[in-house]
C-alpha atoms as a PDB file:
ATOM      1  CA  UNK A   1     224.561 152.268  70.470  1.00  0.00           C
ATOM      2  CA  UNK A   2     221.672 154.954  70.434  1.00  0.00           C
ATOM      3  CA  UNK A   3     218.346 153.685  72.025  1.00  0.00           C
ATOM      4  CA  UNK A   4     215.304 153.010  69.311  1.00  0.00           C
ATOM      5  CA  UNK A   5     214.056 156.552  68.440  1.00  0.00           C
ATOM      6  CA  UNK A   6     217.108 158.470  69.299  1.00  0.00           C
ATOM      7  CA  UNK A   7     218.552 159.303  65.930  1.00  0.00           C
ATOM      8  CA  UNK A   8     215.215 160.031  65.131  1.00  0.00           C
ATOM      9  CA  UNK A   9     214.584 162.379  67.427  1.00  0.00           C
ATOM     10  CA  UNK A  10     217.619 164.173  66.991  1.00  0.00           C
ATOM     11  CA  UNK A  11     216.743 164.518  62.955  1.00  0.00           C
ATOM     12  CA  UNK A  12     213.359 166.245  63.942  1.00  0.00           C
ATOM     13  CA  UNK A  13     215.098 168.811  66.252  1.00  0.00           C
ATOM     14  CA  UNK A  14     217.506 169.730  63.556  1.00  0.00           C
ATOM     15  CA  UNK A  15     214.969 169.882  60.987  1.00  0.00           C
ATOM     16  CA  UNK A  16     212.909 172.479  63.679  1.00  0.00           C
ATOM     17  CA  UNK A  17     216.060 175.146  64.486  1.00  0.00           C
ATOM     18  CA  UNK A  18     216.095 175.159  60.805  1.00  0.00           C
ATOM     19  CA  UNK A  19     212.438 175.986  60.701  1.00  0.00           C
ATOM     20  CA  UNK A  20     212.832 178.387  63.039  1.00  0.00           C
ATOM     21  CA  UNK A  21     215.524 180.052  61.691  1.00  0.00           C
ATOM     22  CA  UNK A  22     213.373 180.676  58.380  1.00  0.00           C
ATOM     23  CA  UNK A  23     210.270 181.901  60.364  1.00  0.00           C
ATOM     24  CA  UNK A  24     209.590 185.381  59.598  1.00  0.00           C
ATOM     25  CA  UNK A  25     206.072 186.031  62.340  1.00  0.00           C
ATOM     26  CA  UNK A  26     207.004 186.131  66.232  1.00  0.00           C
ATOM     27  CA  UNK A  27     204.087 183.589  66.959  1.00  0.00           C
ATOM     28  CA  UNK A  28     205.462 180.823  64.055  1.00  0.00           C
ATOM     29  CA  UNK A  29     209.171 181.499  65.691  1.00  0.00           C
ATOM     30  CA  UNK A  30     207.598 180.847  69.493  1.00  0.00           C
ATOM     31  CA  UNK A  31     205.514 177.933  68.701  1.00  0.00           C
ATOM     32  CA  UNK A  32     208.595 176.575  66.978  1.00  0.00           C
ATOM     33  CA  UNK A  33     211.107 177.415  69.372  1.00  0.00           C
ATOM     34  CA  UNK A  34     208.712 175.140  72.377  1.00  0.00           C
ATOM     35  CA  UNK A  35     209.296 172.257  70.226  1.00  0.00           C
ATOM     36  CA  UNK A  36     212.628 172.547  70.093  1.00  0.00           C
ATOM     37  CA  UNK A  37     213.364 172.943  73.586  1.00  0.00           C
ATOM     38  CA  UNK A  38     210.893 169.620  74.028  1.00  0.00           C
ATOM     39  CA  UNK A  39     212.405 167.871  72.047  1.00  0.00           C
ATOM     40  CA  UNK A  40     216.081 168.709  73.295  1.00  0.00           C
ATOM     41  CA  UNK A  41     215.290 167.818  76.563  1.00  0.00           C
ATOM     42  CA  UNK A  42     213.151 164.539  75.157  1.00  0.00           C
ATOM     43  CA  UNK A  43     216.956 163.651  73.677  1.00  0.00           C
ATOM     44  CA  UNK A  44     219.360 164.428  76.581  1.00  0.00           C
ATOM     45  CA  UNK A  45     216.583 161.688  78.347  1.00  0.00           C
ATOM     46  CA  UNK A  46     217.524 159.606  75.955  1.00  0.00           C
ATOM     47  CA  UNK A  47     221.351 160.111  75.386  1.00  0.00           C
ATOM     48  CA  UNK A  48     221.865 160.085  79.140  1.00  0.00           C
ATOM     49  CA  UNK A  49     219.591 156.022  79.086  1.00  0.00           C
ATOM     50  CA  UNK A  50     221.917 155.114  76.159  1.00  0.00           C
ATOM     51  CA  UNK A  51     224.772 156.257  78.043  1.00  0.00           C
ATOM     52  CA  UNK A  52     223.971 154.220  81.646  1.00  0.00           C
ATOM     53  CA  UNK A  53     223.014 151.020  79.197  1.00  0.00           C
ATOM     54  CA  UNK A  54     226.586 150.788  77.705  1.00  0.00           C
ATOM     55  CA  UNK A  55     228.426 151.882  81.031  1.00  0.00           C
ATOM     56  CA  UNK A  56     226.423 149.161  82.779  1.00  0.00           C
ATOM     57  CA  UNK A  57     227.471 146.444  79.906  1.00  0.00           C
ATOM     58  CA  UNK A  58     231.065 147.404  79.271  1.00  0.00           C
ATOM     59  CA  UNK A  59     231.573 146.872  83.249  1.00  0.00           C
ATOM     60  CA  UNK A  60     230.073 143.570  82.423  1.00  0.00           C
ATOM     61  CA  UNK A  61     227.128 144.003  85.542  1.00  0.00           C
ATOM     62  CA  UNK A  62     224.308 142.201  84.401  1.00  0.00           C
ATOM     63  CA  UNK A  63     220.714 142.134  86.101  1.00  0.00           C
ATOM     64  CA  UNK A  64     218.537 139.231  87.020  1.00  0.00           C
ATOM     65  CA  UNK A  65     215.240 138.832  87.728  1.00  0.00           C
ATOM     66  CA  UNK A  66     213.771 136.810  90.885  1.00  0.00           C
ATOM     67  CA  UNK A  67     210.054 136.178  92.012  1.00  0.00           C
ATOM     68  CA  UNK A  68     208.762 137.085  95.719  1.00  0.00           C
ATOM     69  CA  UNK A  69     207.370 134.366  97.168  1.00  0.00           C
ATOM     70  CA  UNK A  70     208.070 134.883 100.694  1.00  0.00           C
ATOM     71  CA  UNK A  71     206.119 137.685 102.785  1.00  0.00           C
ATOM     72  CA  UNK A  72     204.816 138.513 105.668  1.00  0.00           C
ATOM     73  CA  UNK A  73     200.851 139.437 105.659  1.00  0.00           C
ATOM     74  CA  UNK A  74     198.365 140.917 108.216  1.00  0.00           C
ATOM     75  CA  UNK A  75     194.781 142.348 107.862  1.00  0.00           C
ATOM     76  CA  UNK A  76     193.274 145.388 109.571  1.00  0.00           C
ATOM     77  CA  UNK A  77     189.661 145.891 109.072  1.00  0.00           C
ATOM     78  CA  UNK A  78     190.266 148.205 106.268  1.00  0.00           C
ATOM     79  CA  UNK A  79     193.102 146.475 104.848  1.00  0.00           C
ATOM     80  CA  UNK A  80     195.464 143.526 103.957  1.00  0.00           C
ATOM     81  CA  UNK A  81     199.035 143.805 104.123  1.00  0.00           C
ATOM     82  CA  UNK A  82     201.754 142.286 102.825  1.00  0.00           C
ATOM     83  CA  UNK A  83     205.759 142.738 104.179  1.00  0.00           C
ATOM     84  CA  UNK A  84     208.271 142.510 101.289  1.00  0.00           C
ATOM     85  CA  UNK A  85     211.564 141.415 103.440  1.00  0.00           C
ATOM     86  CA  UNK A  86     214.451 142.899 100.645  1.00  0.00           C
ATOM     87  CA  UNK A  87     218.290 143.749 100.889  1.00  0.00           C
ATOM     88  CA  UNK A  88     219.604 146.785  99.563  1.00  0.00           C
ATOM     89  CA  UNK A  89     216.455 148.693  99.520  1.00  0.00           C
ATOM     90  CA  UNK A  90     218.855 151.826 100.943  1.00  0.00           C
ATOM     91  CA  UNK A  91     220.125 151.811  97.127  1.00  0.00           C
ATOM     92  CA  UNK A  92     216.834 152.394  95.821  1.00  0.00           C
ATOM     93  CA  UNK A  93     213.713 155.281  95.824  1.00  0.00           C
ATOM     94  CA  UNK A  94     210.220 155.355  95.657  1.00  0.00           C
ATOM     95  CA  UNK A  95     210.285 155.950  92.016  1.00  0.00           C
ATOM     96  CA  UNK A  96     212.115 152.326  91.779  1.00  0.00           C
ATOM     97  CA  UNK A  97     208.717 150.372  92.854  1.00  0.00           C
ATOM     98  CA  UNK A  98     205.926 150.266  89.945  1.00  0.00           C
ATOM     99  CA  UNK A  99     202.804 148.182  91.661  1.00  0.00           C
ATOM    100  CA  UNK A 100     199.482 147.623  89.596  1.00  0.00           C
ATOM    101  CA  UNK A 101     196.254 146.601  90.979  1.00  0.00           C
ATOM    102  CA  UNK A 102     193.274 145.136  89.722  1.00  0.00           C
ATOM    103  CA  UNK A 103     190.168 143.912  91.507  1.00  0.00           C
ATOM    104  CA  UNK A 104     191.611 140.422  92.103  1.00  0.00           C
ATOM    105  CA  UNK A 105     195.181 140.539  91.416  1.00  0.00           C
ATOM    106  CA  UNK A 106     198.227 142.300  92.701  1.00  0.00           C
ATOM    107  CA  UNK A 107     201.829 143.151  90.862  1.00  0.00           C
ATOM    108  CA  UNK A 108     204.826 145.215  92.584  1.00  0.00           C
ATOM    109  CA  UNK A 109     207.608 144.962  90.189  1.00  0.00           C
ATOM    110  CA  UNK A 110     210.895 146.778  92.283  1.00  0.00           C
ATOM    111  CA  UNK A 111     214.063 147.812  90.549  1.00  0.00           C
ATOM    112  CA  UNK A 112     217.441 147.033  91.936  1.00  0.00           C
ATOM    113  CA  UNK A 113     220.961 148.110  90.611  1.00  0.00           C
ATOM    114  CA  UNK A 114     221.504 144.661  89.701  1.00  0.00           C
ATOM    115  CA  UNK A 115     218.485 142.759  89.785  1.00  0.00           C
ATOM    116  CA  UNK A 116     214.541 143.298  89.268  1.00  0.00           C
ATOM    117  CA  UNK A 117     212.375 141.281  92.376  1.00  0.00           C
ATOM    118  CA  UNK A 118     208.718 140.891  91.297  1.00  0.00           C
ATOM    119  CA  UNK A 119     205.530 139.946  93.902  1.00  0.00           C
ATOM    120  CA  UNK A 120     202.536 138.809  91.672  1.00  0.00           C
ATOM    121  CA  UNK A 121     200.023 137.401  92.837  1.00  0.00           C
ATOM    122  CA  UNK A 122     197.441 136.562  90.060  1.00  0.00           C
ATOM    123  CA  UNK A 123     194.028 135.788  92.276  1.00  0.00           C
ATOM    124  CA  UNK A 124     193.510 136.808  95.934  1.00  0.00           C
ATOM    125  CA  UNK A 125     191.577 135.749  98.306  1.00  0.00           C
ATOM    126  CA  UNK A 126     189.324 138.078  98.613  1.00  0.00           C
ATOM    127  CA  UNK A 127     188.213 140.900  96.345  1.00  0.00           C
ATOM    128  CA  UNK A 128     190.272 144.604  96.715  1.00  0.00           C
ATOM    129  CA  UNK A 129     189.553 148.176  95.410  1.00  0.00           C
ATOM    130  CA  UNK A 130     192.670 148.733  92.843  1.00  0.00           C
ATOM    131  CA  UNK A 131     192.495 152.581  93.095  1.00  0.00           C
ATOM    132  CA  UNK A 132     192.821 152.487  97.095  1.00  0.00           C
ATOM    133  CA  UNK A 133     195.767 150.479  97.241  1.00  0.00           C
ATOM    134  CA  UNK A 134     199.082 151.228  97.369  1.00  0.00           C
ATOM    135  CA  UNK A 135     203.154 150.357  98.287  1.00  0.00           C
ATOM    136  CA  UNK A 136     204.619 152.385 100.611  1.00  0.00           C
ATOM    137  CA  UNK A 137     208.916 151.412 100.886  1.00  0.00           C
ATOM    138  CA  UNK A 138     210.292 151.294 104.654  1.00  0.00           C
ATOM    139  CA  UNK A 139     214.062 150.890 105.498  1.00  0.00           C
ATOM    140  CA  UNK A 140     214.051 147.220 105.136  1.00  0.00           C
ATOM    141  CA  UNK A 141     210.920 146.203 103.809  1.00  0.00           C
ATOM    142  CA  UNK A 142     208.178 147.423 100.999  1.00  0.00           C
ATOM    143  CA  UNK A 143     204.757 147.771 102.568  1.00  0.00           C
ATOM    144  CA  UNK A 144     201.701 146.851 100.261  1.00  0.00           C
ATOM    145  CA  UNK A 145     198.295 147.493 100.756  1.00  0.00           C
ATOM    146  CA  UNK A 146     195.406 146.622  99.668  1.00  0.00           C
ATOM    147  CA  UNK A 147     192.399 147.902 100.596  1.00  0.00           C
ATOM    148  CA  UNK A 148     189.420 145.592 100.969  1.00  0.00           C
ATOM    149  CA  UNK A 149     186.110 145.437  99.011  1.00  0.00           C
ATOM    150  CA  UNK A 150     184.364 144.698 102.191  1.00  0.00           C
ATOM    151  CA  UNK A 151     185.949 146.458 105.203  1.00  0.00           C
ATOM    152  CA  UNK A 152     185.345 144.396 107.911  1.00  0.00           C
ATOM    153  CA  UNK A 153     185.406 140.854 106.663  1.00  0.00           C
ATOM    154  CA  UNK A 154     188.839 138.527 107.875  1.00  0.00           C
ATOM    155  CA  UNK A 155     190.572 137.054 105.257  1.00  0.00           C
ATOM    156  CA  UNK A 156     191.670 133.589 105.905  1.00  0.00           C
ATOM    157  CA  UNK A 157     194.049 133.536 103.476  1.00  0.00           C
ATOM    158  CA  UNK A 158     196.277 135.656 101.118  1.00  0.00           C
ATOM    159  CA  UNK A 159     195.478 134.438  97.621  1.00  0.00           C
ATOM    160  CA  UNK A 160     192.784 131.809  96.512  1.00  0.00           C
ATOM    161  CA  UNK A 161     195.087 128.790  95.687  1.00  0.00           C
ATOM    162  CA  UNK A 162     195.497 128.681  99.360  1.00  0.00           C
ATOM    163  CA  UNK A 163     192.357 129.092 100.160  1.00  0.00           C
ATOM    164  CA  UNK A 164     190.659 125.813  97.868  1.00  0.00           C
ATOM    165  CA  UNK A 165     194.033 123.997  99.261  1.00  0.00           C
ATOM    166  CA  UNK A 166     192.515 124.628 102.982  1.00  0.00           C
ATOM    167  CA  UNK A 167     188.946 123.907 102.514  1.00  0.00           C
ATOM    168  CA  UNK A 168     189.652 120.791 100.179  1.00  0.00           C
ATOM    169  CA  UNK A 169     191.994 119.290 102.812  1.00  0.00           C
ATOM    170  CA  UNK A 170     189.208 120.087 105.493  1.00  0.00           C
ATOM    171  CA  UNK A 171     187.204 117.366 106.498  1.00  0.00           C
ATOM    172  CA  UNK A 172     183.525 116.875 106.037  1.00  0.00           C
ATOM    173  CA  UNK A 173     181.410 115.242 108.162  1.00  0.00           C
ATOM    174  CA  UNK A 174     178.842 112.682 105.579  1.00  0.00           C
ATOM    175  CA  UNK A 175     175.159 112.782 106.491  1.00  0.00           C
ATOM    176  CA  UNK A 176     175.972 109.128 107.353  1.00  0.00           C
ATOM    177  CA  UNK A 177     178.703 109.706 109.378  1.00  0.00           C
ATOM    178  CA  UNK A 178     178.667 108.472 112.917  1.00  0.00           C
ATOM    179  CA  UNK A 179     178.854 112.089 114.691  1.00  0.00           C
ATOM    180  CA  UNK A 180     181.531 111.113 116.782  1.00  0.00           C
ATOM    181  CA  UNK A 181     183.875 110.068 113.787  1.00  0.00           C
ATOM    182  CA  UNK A 182     183.759 113.643 112.365  1.00  0.00           C
ATOM    183  CA  UNK A 183     184.986 115.475 115.592  1.00  0.00           C
ATOM    184  CA  UNK A 184     187.449 112.736 115.949  1.00  0.00           C
ATOM    185  CA  UNK A 185     188.544 113.665 111.694  1.00  0.00           C
ATOM    186  CA  UNK A 186     187.917 117.459 112.824  1.00  0.00           C
ATOM    187  CA  UNK A 187     190.238 116.883 116.166  1.00  0.00           C
ATOM    188  CA  UNK A 188     192.524 115.104 113.892  1.00  0.00           C
ATOM    189  CA  UNK A 189     192.920 118.441 111.365  1.00  0.00           C
ATOM    190  CA  UNK A 190     192.957 120.640 113.868  1.00  0.00           C
ATOM    191  CA  UNK A 191     195.809 119.273 115.596  1.00  0.00           C
ATOM    192  CA  UNK A 192     197.839 118.330 112.381  1.00  0.00           C
ATOM    193  CA  UNK A 193     197.858 122.115 111.696  1.00  0.00           C
ATOM    194  CA  UNK A 194     197.633 123.601 115.215  1.00  0.00           C
ATOM    195  CA  UNK A 195     200.814 124.786 117.339  1.00  0.00           C
ATOM    196  CA  UNK A 196     202.095 124.026 120.631  1.00  0.00           C
ATOM    197  CA  UNK A 197     199.084 125.389 122.375  1.00  0.00           C
ATOM    198  CA  UNK A 198     196.938 123.667 120.521  1.00  0.00           C
ATOM    199  CA  UNK A 199     198.507 120.369 120.363  1.00  0.00           C
ATOM    200  CA  UNK A 200     198.469 120.379 124.030  1.00  0.00           C
ATOM    201  CA  UNK A 201     194.887 121.983 124.363  1.00  0.00           C
ATOM    202  CA  UNK A 202     193.548 119.050 121.952  1.00  0.00           C
ATOM    203  CA  UNK A 203     195.325 116.335 123.958  1.00  0.00           C
ATOM    204  CA  UNK A 204     194.189 116.895 127.418  1.00  0.00           C
ATOM    205  CA  UNK A 205     190.699 117.703 125.726  1.00  0.00           C
ATOM    206  CA  UNK A 206     191.297 114.030 124.488  1.00  0.00           C
ATOM    207  CA  UNK A 207     192.290 112.549 127.367  1.00  0.00           C
ATOM    208  CA  UNK A 208     189.282 113.803 129.451  1.00  0.00           C
ATOM    209  CA  UNK A 209     187.013 112.477 127.464  1.00  0.00           C
ATOM    210  CA  UNK A 210     188.211 109.310 127.571  1.00  0.00           C
ATOM    211  CA  UNK A 211     188.377 109.375 131.412  1.00  0.00           C
ATOM    212  CA  UNK A 212     184.708 109.786 131.482  1.00  0.00           C
ATOM    213  CA  UNK A 213     183.903 107.884 128.647  1.00  0.00           C
ATOM    214  CA  UNK A 214     185.566 104.645 130.945  1.00  0.00           C
ATOM    215  CA  UNK A 215     183.090 106.303 133.448  1.00  0.00           C
ATOM    216  CA  UNK A 216     180.211 106.412 131.196  1.00  0.00           C
ATOM    217  CA  UNK A 217     180.184 109.679 131.077  1.00  0.00           C
ATOM    218  CA  UNK A 218     179.856 111.400 127.417  1.00  0.00           C
ATOM    219  CA  UNK A 219     182.635 111.626 125.462  1.00  0.00           C
ATOM    220  CA  UNK A 220     181.321 114.496 123.516  1.00  0.00           C
ATOM    221  CA  UNK A 221     180.077 116.352 126.446  1.00  0.00           C
ATOM    222  CA  UNK A 222     182.342 118.918 126.085  1.00  0.00           C
ATOM    223  CA  UNK A 223     183.075 119.406 122.339  1.00  0.00           C
END
């Protein structure tokens, strides 16, 4: 089955070839011949795509779409870096990776032989410079380089959603709150979200503050 436009191109090519036969002036012949060559190349490209499509359909190979939701990230003063670890990267080239950047979003579409993997972040944590952002294919991952709009600014998260969720869950010290209660809420939040080292440090500090309180010392002195 021909792709849309292929038959029209064939007809255009046929008509240009007839015009070339009847043209008399050299300049006209040369102009028509250039258009004939261009149309021949375009027809060949579309025929090759159509053949590949038909071959794929005949073999029963069905591609599928997958969204990339897991990735590692790191950052420098100038770039936020996303690491997309994917299988079968050896089967594609840089031409199979299409990226699109705006001030606040990134979309990376990777075409594999049997699937399309897409990363889409509609709202980044901070602004980027689209024209200086890019992708680079490595042996076992795709590196997405997001150029920071504000050099030297540390991003706490990658997405705006993550930032809002964390800020919403962060304990706030109200004006009429007892300072010790506010600090206790803060420490509890740090303990819940911290790693093992953080948990040990907070537990030790809490224990020592309780000991000081037993001796009549200010339990908040070290905080």
